[in-house]
Amino acid sequence: MTDPAYTPAYTAVALEADVAPDTLKAVEVGGRSILIVHHGGRLFAVANQCSHAEQALTCGRVRWGWIACPAHGAKFDLETGEALSLPATEPIATFPLRVIEGRIEVAV
């Protein structure tokens, strides 16, 4: 359980203008590859690695709130990271994201 007094530390990773609608941008935060996804008018931050094939999701297809792994087509919910289809059975990590004065910030 997360401590209610815990405040995540955010890192600026990109400008909001750098991630146009319906595009993806891979960034590095704390040694982790994070994928910023602009979909449906919202920004999401997810691990840039499929939990099944360990394939980068950078070239993944994004539709209806999910991203599909380019290797085997496993789908993951952009908001929760939940695996939505086989062959993946484990979720991918998601990260808190905020936009401050046009800067996208992610907490890892």
C-alpha atoms as a PDB file:
ATOM      1  CA  MET A   1       0.000   0.000   0.000  1.00  0.00           C
ATOM      2  CA  THR A   2       1.262   3.468  -0.863  1.00  0.00           C
ATOM      3  CA  ASP A   3       1.968   5.865   1.975  1.00  0.00           C
ATOM      4  CA  PRO A   4      -0.668   8.666   1.744  1.00  0.00           C
ATOM      5  CA  ALA A   5       2.066  11.225   2.516  1.00  0.00           C
ATOM      6  CA  TYR A   6       4.168  10.006  -0.444  1.00  0.00           C
ATOM      7  CA  THR A   7       4.581  12.555  -3.234  1.00  0.00           C
ATOM      8  CA  PRO A   8       6.106  11.205  -6.449  1.00  0.00           C
ATOM      9  CA  ALA A   9       9.127  12.995  -7.903  1.00  0.00           C
ATOM     10  CA  TYR A  10       8.382  14.130 -11.453  1.00  0.00           C
ATOM     11  CA  THR A  11      10.975  14.501 -14.217  1.00  0.00           C
ATOM     12  CA  ALA A  12      10.445  16.677 -17.296  1.00  0.00           C
ATOM     13  CA  VAL A  13      10.765  14.404 -20.350  1.00  0.00           C
ATOM     14  CA  ALA A  14       9.397  16.340 -23.344  1.00  0.00           C
ATOM     15  CA  LEU A  15       7.442  19.331 -24.462  1.00  0.00           C
ATOM     16  CA  GLU A  16       3.741  18.765 -24.983  1.00  0.00           C
ATOM     17  CA  ALA A  17       4.189  20.107 -28.530  1.00  0.00           C
ATOM     18  CA  ASP A  18       6.701  17.298 -29.217  1.00  0.00           C
ATOM     19  CA  VAL A  19       4.002  14.629 -28.868  1.00  0.00           C
ATOM     20  CA  ALA A  20       1.318  15.383 -31.455  1.00  0.00           C
ATOM     21  CA  PRO A  21      -2.097  13.704 -31.217  1.00  0.00           C
ATOM     22  CA  ASP A  22      -2.014  10.015 -32.126  1.00  0.00           C
ATOM     23  CA  THR A  23       1.766   9.747 -31.823  1.00  0.00           C
ATOM     24  CA  LEU A  24       4.245   8.039 -29.494  1.00  0.00           C
ATOM     25  CA  LYS A  25       7.551   9.243 -28.065  1.00  0.00           C
ATOM     26  CA  ALA A  26      10.097   7.090 -26.258  1.00  0.00           C
ATOM     27  CA  VAL A  27      11.981   8.808 -23.433  1.00  0.00           C
ATOM     28  CA  GLU A  28      14.466   7.678 -20.800  1.00  0.00           C
ATOM     29  CA  VAL A  29      13.694   8.315 -17.121  1.00  0.00           C
ATOM     30  CA  GLY A  30      15.833   6.958 -14.324  1.00  0.00           C
ATOM     31  CA  GLY A  31      17.373   4.356 -16.619  1.00  0.00           C
ATOM     32  CA  ARG A  32      13.978   3.125 -17.838  1.00  0.00           C
ATOM     33  CA  SER A  33      12.524   3.427 -21.315  1.00  0.00           C
ATOM     34  CA  ILE A  34       9.109   5.055 -21.015  1.00  0.00           C
ATOM     35  CA  LEU A  35       6.654   5.536 -23.859  1.00  0.00           C
ATOM     36  CA  ILE A  36       4.606   8.731 -23.928  1.00  0.00           C
ATOM     37  CA  VAL A  37       1.394   8.095 -25.864  1.00  0.00           C
ATOM     38  CA  HIS A  38      -0.938  10.870 -27.038  1.00  0.00           C
ATOM     39  CA  HIS A  39      -4.257   9.156 -27.747  1.00  0.00           C
ATOM     40  CA  GLY A  40      -7.886  10.224 -27.522  1.00  0.00           C
ATOM     41  CA  GLY A  41      -6.946  13.698 -26.365  1.00  0.00           C
ATOM     42  CA  ARG A  42      -5.002  12.320 -23.384  1.00  0.00           C
ATOM     43  CA  LEU A  43      -1.363  11.620 -22.586  1.00  0.00           C
ATOM     44  CA  PHE A  44      -0.253   8.321 -21.071  1.00  0.00           C
ATOM     45  CA  ALA A  45       3.105   7.052 -19.793  1.00  0.00           C
ATOM     46  CA  VAL A  46       3.732   3.305 -20.025  1.00  0.00           C
ATOM     47  CA  ALA A  47       6.759   1.026 -19.945  1.00  0.00           C
ATOM     48  CA  ASN A  48       8.249   0.757 -23.411  1.00  0.00           C
ATOM     49  CA  GLN A  49       8.457  -3.023 -23.236  1.00  0.00           C
ATOM     50  CA  CYS A  50       5.935  -5.813 -23.797  1.00  0.00           C
ATOM     51  CA  SER A  51       5.568  -8.020 -20.719  1.00  0.00           C
ATOM     52  CA  HIS A  52       5.468 -11.114 -22.937  1.00  0.00           C
ATOM     53  CA  ALA A  53       8.025 -10.647 -25.724  1.00  0.00           C
ATOM     54  CA  GLU A  54      10.130  -7.916 -24.087  1.00  0.00           C
ATOM     55  CA  GLN A  55       9.747  -6.106 -27.423  1.00  0.00           C
ATOM     56  CA  ALA A  56       9.809  -2.300 -27.474  1.00  0.00           C
ATOM     57  CA  LEU A  57       6.301  -0.905 -27.918  1.00  0.00           C
ATOM     58  CA  THR A  58       7.551   2.147 -29.846  1.00  0.00           C
ATOM     59  CA  CYS A  59       6.210   0.728 -33.130  1.00  0.00           C
ATOM     60  CA  GLY A  60       3.035  -0.581 -31.491  1.00  0.00           C
ATOM     61  CA  ARG A  61      -0.417   0.093 -32.892  1.00  0.00           C
ATOM     62  CA  VAL A  62      -2.627   2.320 -30.718  1.00  0.00           C
ATOM     63  CA  ARG A  63      -6.416   2.069 -30.887  1.00  0.00           C
ATOM     64  CA  TRP A  64      -9.437   2.499 -28.554  1.00  0.00           C
ATOM     65  CA  GLY A  65      -7.352   3.005 -25.405  1.00  0.00           C
ATOM     66  CA  TRP A  66      -4.844   0.197 -25.925  1.00  0.00           C
ATOM     67  CA  ILE A  67      -1.420  -0.377 -27.446  1.00  0.00           C
ATOM     68  CA  ALA A  68      -0.494  -3.600 -29.267  1.00  0.00           C
ATOM     69  CA  CYS A  69       2.953  -5.160 -29.214  1.00  0.00           C
ATOM     70  CA  PRO A  70       4.445  -5.230 -32.722  1.00  0.00           C
ATOM     71  CA  ALA A  71       5.925  -8.720 -32.150  1.00  0.00           C
ATOM     72  CA  HIS A  72       2.871 -10.843 -31.280  1.00  0.00           C
ATOM     73  CA  GLY A  73      -0.045  -8.403 -31.078  1.00  0.00           C
ATOM     74  CA  ALA A  74      -0.584  -8.577 -27.312  1.00  0.00           C
ATOM     75  CA  LYS A  75      -2.687  -5.582 -26.249  1.00  0.00           C
ATOM     76  CA  PHE A  76      -2.287  -3.472 -23.116  1.00  0.00           C
ATOM     77  CA  ASP A  77      -4.630  -0.883 -21.594  1.00  0.00           C
ATOM     78  CA  LEU A  78      -2.954   2.537 -21.769  1.00  0.00           C
ATOM     79  CA  GLU A  79      -4.422   3.710 -18.467  1.00  0.00           C
ATOM     80  CA  THR A  80      -3.898   0.643 -16.282  1.00  0.00           C
ATOM     81  CA  GLY A  81      -1.275  -1.403 -18.163  1.00  0.00           C
ATOM     82  CA  GLU A  82      -3.543  -4.457 -17.932  1.00  0.00           C
ATOM     83  CA  ALA A  83      -2.857  -7.203 -20.479  1.00  0.00           C
ATOM     84  CA  LEU A  84      -5.975  -7.330 -22.652  1.00  0.00           C
ATOM     85  CA  SER A  85      -5.054 -10.197 -24.973  1.00  0.00           C
ATOM     86  CA  LEU A  86      -2.807 -13.206 -25.294  1.00  0.00           C
ATOM     87  CA  PRO A  87      -0.029 -14.059 -25.520  1.00  0.00           C
ATOM     88  CA  ALA A  88       0.608 -11.499 -22.747  1.00  0.00           C
ATOM     89  CA  THR A  89      -0.762 -12.386 -19.332  1.00  0.00           C
ATOM     90  CA  GLU A  90       1.157  -9.855 -17.218  1.00  0.00           C
ATOM     91  CA  PRO A  91       0.529  -6.084 -17.242  1.00  0.00           C
ATOM     92  CA  ILE A  92       3.019  -3.431 -18.264  1.00  0.00           C
ATOM     93  CA  ALA A  93       3.954  -0.632 -15.873  1.00  0.00           C
ATOM     94  CA  THR A  94       2.169   2.696 -16.090  1.00  0.00           C
ATOM     95  CA  PHE A  95       3.477   5.932 -14.616  1.00  0.00           C
ATOM     96  CA  PRO A  96       1.950   9.146 -13.277  1.00  0.00           C
ATOM     97  CA  LEU A  97       2.130  11.921 -15.885  1.00  0.00           C
ATOM     98  CA  ARG A  98       1.351  15.605 -15.682  1.00  0.00           C
ATOM     99  CA  VAL A  99       1.754  18.654 -17.922  1.00  0.00           C
ATOM    100  CA  ILE A 100       3.135  21.815 -16.337  1.00  0.00           C
ATOM    101  CA  GLU A 101       3.493  24.937 -18.494  1.00  0.00           C
ATOM    102  CA  GLY A 102       3.722  22.845 -21.658  1.00  0.00           C
ATOM    103  CA  ARG A 103       6.258  20.364 -20.233  1.00  0.00           C
ATOM    104  CA  ILE A 104       5.377  16.679 -19.915  1.00  0.00           C
ATOM    105  CA  GLU A 105       6.568  15.304 -16.603  1.00  0.00           C
ATOM    106  CA  VAL A 106       6.622  11.652 -15.541  1.00  0.00           C
ATOM    107  CA  ALA A 107       7.141  10.077 -12.119  1.00  0.00           C
ATOM    108  CA  VAL A 108       9.027   6.773 -12.110  1.00  0.00           C
END
